[in-house]
Amino acid sequence: MSKNDIKQQIGNYAAKLVQNHTTVGLGTGTTVSYFLVALAQRIKKNIWILLA
């Protein structure tokens, strides 16, 4: 498993932890890009979040 595969799994896992009406603070780093892609998929399914 590559380093990027691991980062993608972490990003996907983190996105699953976001619940409705959650405020999400975004950091920097390469894993954030994987998190945002996974979170966008969740937003399409009508969860409500506030990105700060």
PDB file of N, CA and C in Angstrom:
ATOM      1  N   MET A   1       0.851  -1.170   0.000  1.00  0.00           N
ATOM      2  CA  MET A   1       0.000   0.000   0.000  1.00  0.00           C
ATOM      3  C   MET A   1       0.902   1.241   0.000  1.00  0.00           C
ATOM      4  N   SER A   2       0.618   2.162  -0.912  1.00  0.00           N
ATOM      5  CA  SER A   2       1.451   3.360  -1.031  1.00  0.00           C
ATOM      6  C   SER A   2       1.086   4.406   0.018  1.00  0.00           C
ATOM      7  N   LYS A   3       1.951   5.380   0.153  1.00  0.00           N
ATOM      8  CA  LYS A   3       1.729   6.482   1.082  1.00  0.00           C
ATOM      9  C   LYS A   3       0.441   7.239   0.720  1.00  0.00           C
ATOM     10  N   ASN A   4       0.205   7.442  -0.570  1.00  0.00           N
ATOM     11  CA  ASN A   4      -1.009   8.134  -1.008  1.00  0.00           C
ATOM     12  C   ASN A   4      -2.266   7.309  -0.741  1.00  0.00           C
ATOM     13  N   ASP A   5      -2.172   6.001  -0.858  1.00  0.00           N
ATOM     14  CA  ASP A   5      -3.311   5.128  -0.531  1.00  0.00           C
ATOM     15  C   ASP A   5      -3.681   5.270   0.942  1.00  0.00           C
ATOM     16  N   ILE A   6      -2.686   5.325   1.783  1.00  0.00           N
ATOM     17  CA  ILE A   6      -2.929   5.484   3.223  1.00  0.00           C
ATOM     18  C   ILE A   6      -3.567   6.837   3.507  1.00  0.00           C
ATOM     19  N   LYS A   7      -3.057   7.887   2.870  1.00  0.00           N
ATOM     20  CA  LYS A   7      -3.625   9.222   3.057  1.00  0.00           C
ATOM     21  C   LYS A   7      -5.075   9.270   2.584  1.00  0.00           C
ATOM     22  N   GLN A   8      -5.365   8.594   1.492  1.00  0.00           N
ATOM     23  CA  GLN A   8      -6.740   8.557   0.998  1.00  0.00           C
ATOM     24  C   GLN A   8      -7.649   7.845   1.990  1.00  0.00           C
ATOM     25  N   GLN A   9      -7.205   6.751   2.550  1.00  0.00           N
ATOM     26  CA  GLN A   9      -7.998   6.038   3.550  1.00  0.00           C
ATOM     27  C   GLN A   9      -8.249   6.917   4.777  1.00  0.00           C
ATOM     28  N   ILE A  10      -7.237   7.651   5.193  1.00  0.00           N
ATOM     29  CA  ILE A  10      -7.392   8.548   6.340  1.00  0.00           C
ATOM     30  C   ILE A  10      -8.388   9.655   6.010  1.00  0.00           C
ATOM     31  N   GLY A  11      -8.274  10.243   4.831  1.00  0.00           N
ATOM     32  CA  GLY A  11      -9.214  11.284   4.411  1.00  0.00           C
ATOM     33  C   GLY A  11     -10.639  10.775   4.349  1.00  0.00           C
ATOM     34  N   ASN A  12     -10.825   9.589   3.814  1.00  0.00           N
ATOM     35  CA  ASN A  12     -12.155   8.977   3.747  1.00  0.00           C
ATOM     36  C   ASN A  12     -12.716   8.718   5.142  1.00  0.00           C
ATOM     37  N   TYR A  13     -11.880   8.223   6.014  1.00  0.00           N
ATOM     38  CA  TYR A  13     -12.319   7.949   7.383  1.00  0.00           C
ATOM     39  C   TYR A  13     -12.720   9.233   8.092  1.00  0.00           C
ATOM     40  N   ALA A  14     -11.897  10.258   7.944  1.00  0.00           N
ATOM     41  CA  ALA A  14     -12.190  11.538   8.596  1.00  0.00           C
ATOM     42  C   ALA A  14     -13.507  12.120   8.086  1.00  0.00           C
ATOM     43  N   ALA A  15     -13.778  11.994   6.801  1.00  0.00           N
ATOM     44  CA  ALA A  15     -15.026  12.515   6.234  1.00  0.00           C
ATOM     45  C   ALA A  15     -16.233  11.773   6.800  1.00  0.00           C
ATOM     46  N   LYS A  16     -16.083  10.508   7.095  1.00  0.00           N
ATOM     47  CA  LYS A  16     -17.185   9.735   7.674  1.00  0.00           C
ATOM     48  C   LYS A  16     -17.504  10.171   9.098  1.00  0.00           C
ATOM     49  N   LEU A  17     -16.548  10.799   9.764  1.00  0.00           N
ATOM     50  CA  LEU A  17     -16.770  11.251  11.131  1.00  0.00           C
ATOM     51  C   LEU A  17     -17.589  12.546  11.204  1.00  0.00           C
ATOM     52  N   VAL A  18     -17.687  13.262  10.095  1.00  0.00           N
ATOM     53  CA  VAL A  18     -18.420  14.530  10.069  1.00  0.00           C
ATOM     54  C   VAL A  18     -19.913  14.242  10.127  1.00  0.00           C
ATOM     55  N   GLN A  19     -20.577  14.879  11.078  1.00  0.00           N
ATOM     56  CA  GLN A  19     -22.014  14.688  11.261  1.00  0.00           C
ATOM     57  C   GLN A  19     -22.760  15.936  10.805  1.00  0.00           C
ATOM     58  N   ASN A  20     -24.084  15.816  10.683  1.00  0.00           N
ATOM     59  CA  ASN A  20     -24.911  16.958  10.316  1.00  0.00           C
ATOM     60  C   ASN A  20     -24.649  18.133  11.243  1.00  0.00           C
ATOM     61  N   HIS A  21     -24.650  19.316  10.670  1.00  0.00           N
ATOM     62  CA  HIS A  21     -24.510  20.579  11.403  1.00  0.00           C
ATOM     63  C   HIS A  21     -23.180  20.678  12.153  1.00  0.00           C
ATOM     64  N   THR A  22     -22.155  20.068  11.624  1.00  0.00           N
ATOM     65  CA  THR A  22     -20.829  20.110  12.220  1.00  0.00           C
ATOM     66  C   THR A  22     -20.024  21.251  11.596  1.00  0.00           C
ATOM     67  N   THR A  23     -19.270  21.956  12.420  1.00  0.00           N
ATOM     68  CA  THR A  23     -18.316  22.933  11.910  1.00  0.00           C
ATOM     69  C   THR A  23     -17.000  22.213  11.684  1.00  0.00           C
ATOM     70  N   VAL A  24     -16.457  22.367  10.488  1.00  0.00           N
ATOM     71  CA  VAL A  24     -15.231  21.664  10.122  1.00  0.00           C
ATOM     72  C   VAL A  24     -14.142  22.696   9.870  1.00  0.00           C
ATOM     73  N   GLY A  25     -13.055  22.606  10.604  1.00  0.00           N
ATOM     74  CA  GLY A  25     -11.887  23.450  10.365  1.00  0.00           C
ATOM     75  C   GLY A  25     -10.907  22.699   9.482  1.00  0.00           C
ATOM     76  N   LEU A  26     -10.518  23.331   8.411  1.00  0.00           N
ATOM     77  CA  LEU A  26      -9.609  22.680   7.471  1.00  0.00           C
ATOM     78  C   LEU A  26      -8.176  23.107   7.732  1.00  0.00           C
ATOM     79  N   GLY A  27      -7.295  22.159   7.708  1.00  0.00           N
ATOM     80  CA  GLY A  27      -5.882  22.441   7.869  1.00  0.00           C
ATOM     81  C   GLY A  27      -5.202  22.464   6.520  1.00  0.00           C
ATOM     82  N   THR A  28      -3.917  22.313   6.556  1.00  0.00           N
ATOM     83  CA  THR A  28      -3.147  22.237   5.318  1.00  0.00           C
ATOM     84  C   THR A  28      -2.519  20.858   5.251  1.00  0.00           C
ATOM     85  N   GLY A  29      -2.026  20.534   4.120  1.00  0.00           N
ATOM     86  CA  GLY A  29      -1.379  19.242   3.955  1.00  0.00           C
ATOM     87  C   GLY A  29      -2.037  18.448   2.848  1.00  0.00           C
ATOM     88  N   THR A  30      -1.358  17.422   2.431  1.00  0.00           N
ATOM     89  CA  THR A  30      -1.841  16.653   1.288  1.00  0.00           C
ATOM     90  C   THR A  30      -3.057  15.801   1.607  1.00  0.00           C
ATOM     91  N   THR A  31      -3.209  15.386   2.843  1.00  0.00           N
ATOM     92  CA  THR A  31      -4.342  14.534   3.209  1.00  0.00           C
ATOM     93  C   THR A  31      -5.658  15.292   3.120  1.00  0.00           C
ATOM     94  N   VAL A  32      -5.612  16.613   3.276  1.00  0.00           N
ATOM     95  CA  VAL A  32      -6.828  17.425   3.195  1.00  0.00           C
ATOM     96  C   VAL A  32      -7.504  17.266   1.838  1.00  0.00           C
ATOM     97  N   SER A  33      -6.743  17.140   0.779  1.00  0.00           N
ATOM     98  CA  SER A  33      -7.353  16.999  -0.549  1.00  0.00           C
ATOM     99  C   SER A  33      -8.190  15.723  -0.636  1.00  0.00           C
ATOM    100  N   TYR A  34      -7.725  14.652  -0.036  1.00  0.00           N
ATOM    101  CA  TYR A  34      -8.502  13.414  -0.024  1.00  0.00           C
ATOM    102  C   TYR A  34      -9.748  13.565   0.853  1.00  0.00           C
ATOM    103  N   PHE A  35      -9.571  14.255   1.968  1.00  0.00           N
ATOM    104  CA  PHE A  35     -10.697  14.518   2.868  1.00  0.00           C
ATOM    105  C   PHE A  35     -11.776  15.319   2.156  1.00  0.00           C
ATOM    106  N   LEU A  36     -11.389  16.358   1.419  1.00  0.00           N
ATOM    107  CA  LEU A  36     -12.371  17.206   0.746  1.00  0.00           C
ATOM    108  C   LEU A  36     -13.146  16.461  -0.335  1.00  0.00           C
ATOM    109  N   VAL A  37     -12.472  15.606  -1.052  1.00  0.00           N
ATOM    110  CA  VAL A  37     -13.170  14.803  -2.076  1.00  0.00           C
ATOM    111  C   VAL A  37     -14.208  13.908  -1.415  1.00  0.00           C
ATOM    112  N   ALA A  38     -13.821  13.244  -0.344  1.00  0.00           N
ATOM    113  CA  ALA A  38     -14.748  12.355   0.363  1.00  0.00           C
ATOM    114  C   ALA A  38     -15.879  13.156   1.006  1.00  0.00           C
ATOM    115  N   LEU A  39     -15.556  14.323   1.552  1.00  0.00           N
ATOM    116  CA  LEU A  39     -16.582  15.163   2.170  1.00  0.00           C
ATOM    117  C   LEU A  39     -17.561  15.682   1.130  1.00  0.00           C
ATOM    118  N   ALA A  40     -17.076  16.036  -0.034  1.00  0.00           N
ATOM    119  CA  ALA A  40     -17.965  16.485  -1.117  1.00  0.00           C
ATOM    120  C   ALA A  40     -18.979  15.407  -1.473  1.00  0.00           C
ATOM    121  N   GLN A  41     -18.547  14.168  -1.474  1.00  0.00           N
ATOM    122  CA  GLN A  41     -19.472  13.062  -1.746  1.00  0.00           C
ATOM    123  C   GLN A  41     -20.563  12.993  -0.677  1.00  0.00           C
ATOM    124  N   ARG A  42     -20.182  13.241   0.577  1.00  0.00           N
ATOM    125  CA  ARG A  42     -21.163  13.230   1.667  1.00  0.00           C
ATOM    126  C   ARG A  42     -22.111  14.411   1.557  1.00  0.00           C
ATOM    127  N   ILE A  43     -21.590  15.575   1.153  1.00  0.00           N
ATOM    128  CA  ILE A  43     -22.443  16.753   1.009  1.00  0.00           C
ATOM    129  C   ILE A  43     -23.493  16.521  -0.058  1.00  0.00           C
ATOM    130  N   LYS A  44     -23.133  15.817  -1.109  1.00  0.00           N
ATOM    131  CA  LYS A  44     -24.093  15.483  -2.164  1.00  0.00           C
ATOM    132  C   LYS A  44     -25.255  14.661  -1.609  1.00  0.00           C
ATOM    133  N   LYS A  45     -25.023  13.994  -0.486  1.00  0.00           N
ATOM    134  CA  LYS A  45     -26.061  13.172   0.129  1.00  0.00           C
ATOM    135  C   LYS A  45     -26.826  13.957   1.196  1.00  0.00           C
ATOM    136  N   ASN A  46     -26.716  15.289   1.132  1.00  0.00           N
ATOM    137  CA  ASN A  46     -27.516  16.189   1.971  1.00  0.00           C
ATOM    138  C   ASN A  46     -27.134  16.238   3.440  1.00  0.00           C
ATOM    139  N   ILE A  47     -25.857  16.178   3.763  1.00  0.00           N
ATOM    140  CA  ILE A  47     -25.483  16.516   5.136  1.00  0.00           C
ATOM    141  C   ILE A  47     -25.195  18.008   5.145  1.00  0.00           C
ATOM    142  N   TRP A  48     -25.390  18.622   6.275  1.00  0.00           N
ATOM    143  CA  TRP A  48     -25.205  20.066   6.411  1.00  0.00           C
ATOM    144  C   TRP A  48     -24.006  20.334   7.297  1.00  0.00           C
ATOM    145  N   ILE A  49     -23.031  21.055   6.752  1.00  0.00           N
ATOM    146  CA  ILE A  49     -21.841  21.391   7.530  1.00  0.00           C
ATOM    147  C   ILE A  49     -21.497  22.854   7.300  1.00  0.00           C
ATOM    148  N   LEU A  50     -20.670  23.387   8.160  1.00  0.00           N
ATOM    149  CA  LEU A  50     -20.130  24.730   8.026  1.00  0.00           C
ATOM    150  C   LEU A  50     -18.623  24.597   7.970  1.00  0.00           C
ATOM    151  N   LEU A  51     -18.039  24.994   6.864  1.00  0.00           N
ATOM    152  CA  LEU A  51     -16.586  24.943   6.741  1.00  0.00           C
ATOM    153  C   LEU A  51     -16.014  26.247   7.244  1.00  0.00           C
ATOM    154  N   ALA A  52     -15.096  26.140   8.177  1.00  0.00           N
ATOM    155  CA  ALA A  52     -14.494  27.346   8.767  1.00  0.00           C
ATOM    156  C   ALA A  52     -13.043  27.449   8.407  1.00  0.00           C
TER     157      ALA A  52
END
